């Protein structure tokens, strides 16, 4: 209450950790900081999923399950980690202010300055044979 009266930032409740609740949070994440926080939380959840997949992979090995089971779990673990790393790379861009139309028009008459080349986006998940078998 005091934060709102004095124009200070209000404490936001923590984001949910359950994926279904995190999905619900996407419907209310309006500003860039909130959107970045949702993506950061998703990245954390993907890392947790990778740990669970690695656990399952170890158990598949210990139980002498078919090799394709272990390979599929290995590919899924790698893909989950790749997705998490990719989200870590791109989520800060959501917190970057988007120039408004009035700023764009005002800057159109300003002398242009060389801009740094944008960093490339991380590679997307590859279609591995192990994961492709899952989709059939």
N, C-alpha and C. Protein backbone atom coordinates (compact mmCIF):
# COMPACT_ATOMS: atom_id res chain seq x y z
N UNK A 1 0.83 -1.18 0.00
CA UNK A 1 0.00 0.00 0.00
C UNK A 1 0.87 1.25 0.00
N UNK A 2 1.89 1.29 0.86
CA UNK A 2 2.73 2.47 0.92
C UNK A 2 3.50 2.67 -0.38
N UNK A 3 3.89 1.58 -1.00
CA UNK A 3 4.63 1.70 -2.25
C UNK A 3 3.78 2.39 -3.30
N UNK A 4 2.51 2.04 -3.38
CA UNK A 4 1.62 2.66 -4.36
C UNK A 4 1.42 4.14 -4.06
N UNK A 5 1.30 4.49 -2.77
CA UNK A 5 1.10 5.90 -2.39
C UNK A 5 2.29 6.77 -2.74
N UNK A 6 3.49 6.22 -2.59
CA UNK A 6 4.69 7.00 -2.81
C UNK A 6 5.31 6.78 -4.19
N UNK A 7 4.61 6.05 -5.07
CA UNK A 7 5.10 5.83 -6.42
C UNK A 7 6.28 4.88 -6.51
N UNK A 8 6.46 4.05 -5.49
CA UNK A 8 7.55 3.09 -5.49
C UNK A 8 7.09 1.80 -6.15
N UNK A 9 8.03 1.01 -6.65
CA UNK A 9 7.62 -0.27 -7.25
C UNK A 9 7.01 -1.18 -6.18
N UNK A 10 5.95 -1.84 -6.57
CA UNK A 10 5.28 -2.75 -5.65
C UNK A 10 5.92 -4.12 -5.75
N UNK A 11 5.96 -4.82 -4.62
CA UNK A 11 6.46 -6.19 -4.62
C UNK A 11 5.46 -7.06 -5.34
N UNK A 12 5.98 -7.81 -6.31
CA UNK A 12 5.11 -8.74 -7.03
C UNK A 12 5.17 -10.09 -6.34
N UNK A 13 4.07 -10.82 -6.35
CA UNK A 13 4.13 -12.16 -5.77
C UNK A 13 5.06 -13.03 -6.61
N UNK A 14 5.70 -14.03 -5.99
CA UNK A 14 6.59 -14.89 -6.76
C UNK A 14 5.83 -15.66 -7.82
N UNK A 15 6.53 -15.98 -8.89
CA UNK A 15 5.91 -16.75 -9.95
C UNK A 15 5.71 -18.19 -9.50
N UNK A 16 4.65 -18.81 -9.97
CA UNK A 16 4.43 -20.21 -9.59
C UNK A 16 5.47 -21.12 -10.23
N UNK A 17 5.72 -22.24 -9.59
CA UNK A 17 6.69 -23.18 -10.13
C UNK A 17 6.02 -24.30 -10.91
N UNK A 18 4.77 -24.59 -10.67
CA UNK A 18 4.07 -25.62 -11.44
C UNK A 18 3.81 -25.08 -12.84
N UNK A 19 4.05 -25.91 -13.84
CA UNK A 19 3.92 -25.44 -15.23
C UNK A 19 2.51 -24.99 -15.56
N UNK A 20 1.49 -25.67 -15.05
CA UNK A 20 0.13 -25.25 -15.37
C UNK A 20 -0.17 -23.88 -14.76
N UNK A 21 0.37 -23.61 -13.58
CA UNK A 21 0.18 -22.29 -12.97
C UNK A 21 1.02 -21.24 -13.70
N UNK A 22 2.21 -21.62 -14.14
CA UNK A 22 3.05 -20.70 -14.90
C UNK A 22 2.36 -20.33 -16.22
N UNK A 23 1.70 -21.29 -16.82
CA UNK A 23 0.93 -21.01 -18.04
C UNK A 23 -0.15 -19.97 -17.75
N UNK A 24 -0.81 -20.09 -16.63
CA UNK A 24 -1.84 -19.10 -16.26
C UNK A 24 -1.21 -17.71 -16.07
N UNK A 25 0.01 -17.67 -15.55
CA UNK A 25 0.69 -16.39 -15.34
C UNK A 25 0.98 -15.68 -16.67
N UNK A 26 1.07 -16.42 -17.75
CA UNK A 26 1.33 -15.78 -19.04
C UNK A 26 0.17 -14.88 -19.47
N UNK A 27 -1.03 -15.16 -18.97
CA UNK A 27 -2.19 -14.36 -19.34
C UNK A 27 -2.20 -13.00 -18.66
N UNK A 28 -1.43 -12.86 -17.58
CA UNK A 28 -1.40 -11.59 -16.87
C UNK A 28 -0.06 -10.88 -16.98
N UNK A 29 0.93 -11.49 -17.61
CA UNK A 29 2.25 -10.87 -17.76
C UNK A 29 2.18 -9.84 -18.88
N UNK A 30 1.99 -8.60 -18.50
CA UNK A 30 1.80 -7.54 -19.49
C UNK A 30 3.09 -6.82 -19.87
N UNK A 31 3.91 -6.48 -18.88
CA UNK A 31 5.11 -5.71 -19.24
C UNK A 31 6.30 -6.64 -19.48
N UNK A 32 7.33 -6.07 -20.05
CA UNK A 32 8.50 -6.85 -20.44
C UNK A 32 9.19 -7.55 -19.29
N UNK A 33 9.26 -6.88 -18.13
CA UNK A 33 9.90 -7.51 -16.98
C UNK A 33 9.14 -8.75 -16.53
N UNK A 34 7.81 -8.67 -16.54
CA UNK A 34 7.00 -9.83 -16.17
C UNK A 34 7.17 -10.96 -17.19
N UNK A 35 7.21 -10.60 -18.45
CA UNK A 35 7.37 -11.61 -19.50
C UNK A 35 8.74 -12.27 -19.38
N UNK A 36 9.77 -11.48 -19.10
CA UNK A 36 11.10 -12.05 -18.92
C UNK A 36 11.10 -12.99 -17.72
N UNK A 37 10.43 -12.60 -16.64
CA UNK A 37 10.40 -13.45 -15.45
C UNK A 37 9.72 -14.79 -15.74
N UNK A 38 8.66 -14.77 -16.55
CA UNK A 38 7.98 -16.02 -16.92
C UNK A 38 8.94 -16.91 -17.71
N UNK A 39 9.65 -16.33 -18.67
CA UNK A 39 10.60 -17.12 -19.47
C UNK A 39 11.75 -17.64 -18.62
N UNK A 40 12.22 -16.83 -17.66
CA UNK A 40 13.28 -17.29 -16.77
C UNK A 40 12.81 -18.46 -15.91
N UNK A 41 11.57 -18.38 -15.44
CA UNK A 41 11.02 -19.47 -14.64
C UNK A 41 10.87 -20.73 -15.49
N UNK A 42 10.44 -20.55 -16.74
CA UNK A 42 10.32 -21.70 -17.64
C UNK A 42 11.69 -22.33 -17.87
N UNK A 43 12.70 -21.51 -18.01
CA UNK A 43 14.07 -22.02 -18.19
C UNK A 43 14.47 -22.87 -16.98
N UNK A 44 14.17 -22.39 -15.79
CA UNK A 44 14.47 -23.17 -14.59
C UNK A 44 13.71 -24.49 -14.59
N UNK A 45 12.47 -24.47 -15.02
CA UNK A 45 11.68 -25.69 -15.05
C UNK A 45 12.21 -26.68 -16.09
N UNK A 46 12.70 -26.16 -17.21
CA UNK A 46 13.29 -27.05 -18.20
C UNK A 46 14.57 -27.71 -17.66
N UNK A 47 15.32 -26.98 -16.88
CA UNK A 47 16.51 -27.58 -16.25
C UNK A 47 16.10 -28.67 -15.25
N UNK A 48 15.02 -28.41 -14.52
CA UNK A 48 14.51 -29.45 -13.61
C UNK A 48 14.05 -30.67 -14.40
N UNK A 49 13.39 -30.43 -15.52
CA UNK A 49 12.95 -31.55 -16.37
C UNK A 49 14.15 -32.33 -16.87
N UNK A 50 15.22 -31.63 -17.23
CA UNK A 50 16.43 -32.32 -17.70
C UNK A 50 17.02 -33.20 -16.59
N UNK A 51 16.97 -32.73 -15.37
CA UNK A 51 17.46 -33.54 -14.24
C UNK A 51 16.61 -34.79 -14.06
N UNK A 52 15.31 -34.64 -14.20
CA UNK A 52 14.42 -35.80 -14.08
C UNK A 52 14.67 -36.79 -15.21
N UNK A 53 14.86 -36.27 -16.42
CA UNK A 53 15.16 -37.16 -17.55
C UNK A 53 16.49 -37.87 -17.36
N UNK A 54 17.45 -37.17 -16.80
CA UNK A 54 18.75 -37.81 -16.54
C UNK A 54 18.60 -38.91 -15.48
N UNK A 55 17.79 -38.66 -14.47
CA UNK A 55 17.50 -39.67 -13.46
C UNK A 55 16.88 -40.91 -14.12
N UNK A 56 15.90 -40.67 -15.00
CA UNK A 56 15.25 -41.79 -15.69
C UNK A 56 16.25 -42.52 -16.58
N UNK A 57 17.13 -41.77 -17.24
CA UNK A 57 18.14 -42.38 -18.10
C UNK A 57 19.06 -43.28 -17.29
N UNK A 58 19.49 -42.82 -16.12
CA UNK A 58 20.34 -43.65 -15.26
C UNK A 58 19.61 -44.93 -14.84
N UNK A 59 18.35 -44.79 -14.50
CA UNK A 59 17.58 -45.98 -14.10
C UNK A 59 17.36 -46.92 -15.28
N UNK A 60 17.20 -46.38 -16.46
CA UNK A 60 17.07 -47.23 -17.65
C UNK A 60 18.34 -48.05 -17.85
N UNK A 61 19.47 -47.42 -17.61
CA UNK A 61 20.74 -48.12 -17.74
C UNK A 61 20.88 -49.20 -16.66
N UNK A 62 20.59 -48.84 -15.41
CA UNK A 62 20.74 -49.79 -14.30
C UNK A 62 19.78 -50.97 -14.43
N UNK A 63 18.61 -50.71 -15.02
CA UNK A 63 17.61 -51.79 -15.17
C UNK A 63 17.80 -52.55 -16.47
N UNK A 64 18.82 -52.21 -17.22
CA UNK A 64 19.13 -52.87 -18.51
C UNK A 64 17.94 -52.83 -19.46
N UNK A 65 17.31 -51.65 -19.53
CA UNK A 65 16.22 -51.46 -20.49
C UNK A 65 16.82 -51.37 -21.90
N UNK A 66 16.00 -51.50 -22.92
CA UNK A 66 16.52 -51.46 -24.29
C UNK A 66 17.34 -50.19 -24.54
N UNK A 67 18.41 -50.32 -25.33
CA UNK A 67 19.29 -49.17 -25.60
C UNK A 67 18.56 -47.96 -26.19
N UNK A 68 17.54 -48.20 -27.02
CA UNK A 68 16.83 -47.06 -27.61
C UNK A 68 16.10 -46.24 -26.55
N UNK A 69 15.73 -46.85 -25.42
CA UNK A 69 15.11 -46.11 -24.32
C UNK A 69 16.13 -45.15 -23.73
N UNK A 70 17.35 -45.64 -23.45
CA UNK A 70 18.40 -44.81 -22.90
C UNK A 70 18.76 -43.69 -23.88
N UNK A 71 18.86 -44.02 -25.17
CA UNK A 71 19.23 -43.02 -26.17
C UNK A 71 18.16 -41.93 -26.28
N UNK A 72 16.90 -42.33 -26.24
CA UNK A 72 15.81 -41.35 -26.33
C UNK A 72 15.88 -40.42 -25.13
N UNK A 73 16.08 -40.96 -23.95
CA UNK A 73 16.18 -40.14 -22.74
C UNK A 73 17.40 -39.21 -22.80
N UNK A 74 18.51 -39.69 -23.36
CA UNK A 74 19.70 -38.84 -23.52
C UNK A 74 19.38 -37.66 -24.43
N UNK A 75 18.72 -37.94 -25.57
CA UNK A 75 18.37 -36.88 -26.51
C UNK A 75 17.39 -35.88 -25.89
N UNK A 76 16.42 -36.40 -25.15
CA UNK A 76 15.44 -35.53 -24.50
C UNK A 76 16.12 -34.65 -23.44
N UNK A 77 17.06 -35.22 -22.70
CA UNK A 77 17.80 -34.44 -21.70
C UNK A 77 18.58 -33.32 -22.37
N UNK A 78 19.29 -33.66 -23.44
CA UNK A 78 20.07 -32.65 -24.17
C UNK A 78 19.17 -31.55 -24.73
N UNK A 79 18.03 -31.94 -25.26
CA UNK A 79 17.11 -30.96 -25.84
C UNK A 79 16.54 -30.04 -24.78
N UNK A 80 16.18 -30.58 -23.62
CA UNK A 80 15.65 -29.75 -22.53
C UNK A 80 16.71 -28.73 -22.09
N UNK A 81 17.96 -29.16 -22.00
CA UNK A 81 19.03 -28.23 -21.60
C UNK A 81 19.27 -27.18 -22.68
N UNK A 82 19.20 -27.57 -23.94
CA UNK A 82 19.37 -26.64 -25.04
C UNK A 82 18.27 -25.58 -25.03
N UNK A 83 17.05 -26.01 -24.81
CA UNK A 83 15.93 -25.06 -24.73
C UNK A 83 16.12 -24.09 -23.56
N UNK A 84 16.53 -24.60 -22.40
CA UNK A 84 16.75 -23.74 -21.24
C UNK A 84 17.84 -22.71 -21.53
N UNK A 85 18.93 -23.15 -22.14
CA UNK A 85 20.02 -22.22 -22.49
C UNK A 85 19.54 -21.17 -23.49
N UNK A 86 18.73 -21.59 -24.46
CA UNK A 86 18.19 -20.65 -25.43
C UNK A 86 17.29 -19.61 -24.78
N UNK A 87 16.45 -20.04 -23.87
CA UNK A 87 15.59 -19.10 -23.15
C UNK A 87 16.41 -18.11 -22.33
N UNK A 88 17.48 -18.60 -21.71
CA UNK A 88 18.36 -17.69 -20.96
C UNK A 88 18.95 -16.63 -21.88
N UNK A 89 19.24 -17.00 -23.12
CA UNK A 89 19.83 -16.06 -24.07
C UNK A 89 18.84 -15.00 -24.55
N UNK A 90 17.60 -15.41 -24.76
CA UNK A 90 16.65 -14.47 -25.38
C UNK A 90 15.74 -13.76 -24.38
N UNK A 91 15.58 -14.29 -23.18
CA UNK A 91 14.62 -13.68 -22.25
C UNK A 91 14.94 -12.22 -21.90
N UNK A 92 16.22 -11.82 -21.79
CA UNK A 92 16.48 -10.40 -21.49
C UNK A 92 15.93 -9.44 -22.55
N UNK A 93 15.76 -9.90 -23.77
CA UNK A 93 15.23 -9.00 -24.80
C UNK A 93 13.79 -8.60 -24.51
N UNK A 94 13.07 -9.38 -23.73
CA UNK A 94 11.70 -9.02 -23.39
C UNK A 94 11.65 -7.84 -22.44
N UNK A 95 12.69 -7.64 -21.63
CA UNK A 95 12.74 -6.52 -20.70
C UNK A 95 13.25 -5.25 -21.36
N UNK A 96 13.76 -5.35 -22.58
CA UNK A 96 14.27 -4.20 -23.31
C UNK A 96 13.09 -3.37 -23.80
N UNK A 97 13.09 -2.08 -23.50
CA UNK A 97 11.97 -1.25 -23.96
C UNK A 97 11.89 -1.22 -25.49
N UNK A 98 10.68 -1.29 -25.98
CA UNK A 98 10.43 -1.20 -27.42
C UNK A 98 10.22 0.27 -27.74
N UNK A 99 10.94 0.80 -28.73
CA UNK A 99 10.77 2.23 -29.05
C UNK A 99 9.36 2.52 -29.50
N UNK A 100 8.83 3.63 -29.01
CA UNK A 100 7.49 4.03 -29.42
C UNK A 100 7.55 4.68 -30.79
N UNK A 101 6.39 4.83 -31.42
CA UNK A 101 6.33 5.43 -32.76
C UNK A 101 6.83 6.87 -32.73
N UNK A 102 6.54 7.61 -31.65
CA UNK A 102 6.98 9.01 -31.59
C UNK A 102 8.50 9.09 -31.45
N UNK A 103 9.11 8.17 -30.71
CA UNK A 103 10.57 8.17 -30.60
C UNK A 103 11.21 7.79 -31.93
N UNK A 104 10.59 6.88 -32.65
CA UNK A 104 11.12 6.45 -33.93
C UNK A 104 11.10 7.60 -34.93
N UNK A 105 10.00 8.37 -34.95
CA UNK A 105 9.90 9.51 -35.86
C UNK A 105 10.87 10.61 -35.47
N UNK A 106 11.05 10.85 -34.17
CA UNK A 106 11.96 11.89 -33.72
C UNK A 106 13.40 11.53 -34.06
N UNK A 107 13.71 10.25 -33.99
CA UNK A 107 15.07 9.83 -34.27
C UNK A 107 15.35 9.70 -35.76
N UNK A 108 14.32 9.78 -36.58
CA UNK A 108 14.51 9.62 -38.03
C UNK A 108 15.35 10.75 -38.60
N UNK A 109 15.26 11.95 -38.00
CA UNK A 109 16.01 13.10 -38.50
C UNK A 109 17.39 13.19 -37.87
N UNK A 110 17.66 12.41 -36.86
CA UNK A 110 18.96 12.45 -36.19
C UNK A 110 20.00 11.76 -37.07
N UNK A 111 21.26 12.23 -36.97
CA UNK A 111 22.30 11.57 -37.77
C UNK A 111 22.44 10.11 -37.33
N UNK A 112 22.61 9.28 -38.31
CA UNK A 112 22.70 7.85 -37.99
C UNK A 112 24.08 7.53 -37.47
N UNK A 113 24.13 6.60 -36.54
CA UNK A 113 25.38 6.14 -35.99
C UNK A 113 25.47 4.65 -36.27
N UNK A 114 26.68 4.17 -36.48
CA UNK A 114 26.79 2.73 -36.72
C UNK A 114 26.31 1.96 -35.50
N UNK A 115 25.57 0.92 -35.77
CA UNK A 115 25.08 0.10 -34.66
C UNK A 115 25.79 -1.24 -34.69
N UNK A 116 25.92 -1.78 -33.52
CA UNK A 116 26.55 -3.09 -33.40
C UNK A 116 25.63 -4.13 -34.01
N UNK A 117 26.21 -5.11 -34.63
CA UNK A 117 25.41 -6.19 -35.21
C UNK A 117 24.75 -6.96 -34.08
N UNK A 118 23.48 -7.33 -34.26
CA UNK A 118 22.81 -8.09 -33.21
C UNK A 118 23.45 -9.46 -33.05
N UNK A 119 23.44 -9.94 -31.81
CA UNK A 119 24.01 -11.26 -31.58
C UNK A 119 23.07 -12.31 -32.15
N UNK A 120 23.61 -13.37 -32.70
CA UNK A 120 22.75 -14.39 -33.30
C UNK A 120 21.95 -15.11 -32.22
N UNK A 121 20.77 -15.54 -32.60
CA UNK A 121 19.94 -16.32 -31.69
C UNK A 121 20.55 -17.69 -31.52
N UNK A 122 20.33 -18.31 -30.35
CA UNK A 122 20.88 -19.66 -30.18
C UNK A 122 20.20 -20.62 -31.14
N UNK A 123 20.90 -21.69 -31.49
CA UNK A 123 20.29 -22.63 -32.43
C UNK A 123 19.08 -23.30 -31.79
N UNK A 124 18.10 -23.59 -32.60
CA UNK A 124 16.91 -24.28 -32.11
C UNK A 124 17.22 -25.73 -31.88
N UNK A 125 16.31 -26.43 -31.22
CA UNK A 125 16.55 -27.85 -30.98
C UNK A 125 16.59 -28.61 -32.30
N UNK A 126 17.54 -29.51 -32.39
CA UNK A 126 17.65 -30.29 -33.62
C UNK A 126 16.71 -31.49 -33.53
N UNK A 127 16.31 -31.94 -34.66
CA UNK A 127 15.44 -33.11 -34.71
C UNK A 127 16.34 -34.35 -34.67
N UNK A 128 16.48 -34.92 -33.50
CA UNK A 128 17.33 -36.11 -33.39
C UNK A 128 16.50 -37.34 -33.65
N UNK A 129 17.14 -38.40 -34.13
CA UNK A 129 16.38 -39.62 -34.44
C UNK A 129 15.66 -40.18 -33.21
N UNK A 130 16.27 -40.05 -32.03
CA UNK A 130 15.64 -40.58 -30.82
C UNK A 130 14.36 -39.86 -30.49
N UNK A 131 14.35 -38.53 -30.64
CA UNK A 131 13.15 -37.77 -30.35
C UNK A 131 12.11 -37.92 -31.45
N UNK A 132 12.56 -38.11 -32.68
CA UNK A 132 11.61 -38.28 -33.77
C UNK A 132 10.78 -39.56 -33.56
N UNK A 133 11.37 -40.58 -32.99
CA UNK A 133 10.65 -41.81 -32.75
C UNK A 133 9.52 -41.60 -31.76
N UNK A 134 9.70 -40.67 -30.85
CA UNK A 134 8.68 -40.37 -29.84
C UNK A 134 7.45 -39.75 -30.48
N UNK A 135 7.63 -38.99 -31.52
CA UNK A 135 6.53 -38.25 -32.14
C UNK A 135 5.64 -39.12 -33.02
N UNK A 136 6.06 -40.31 -33.31
CA UNK A 136 5.28 -41.19 -34.20
C UNK A 136 4.06 -41.74 -33.54
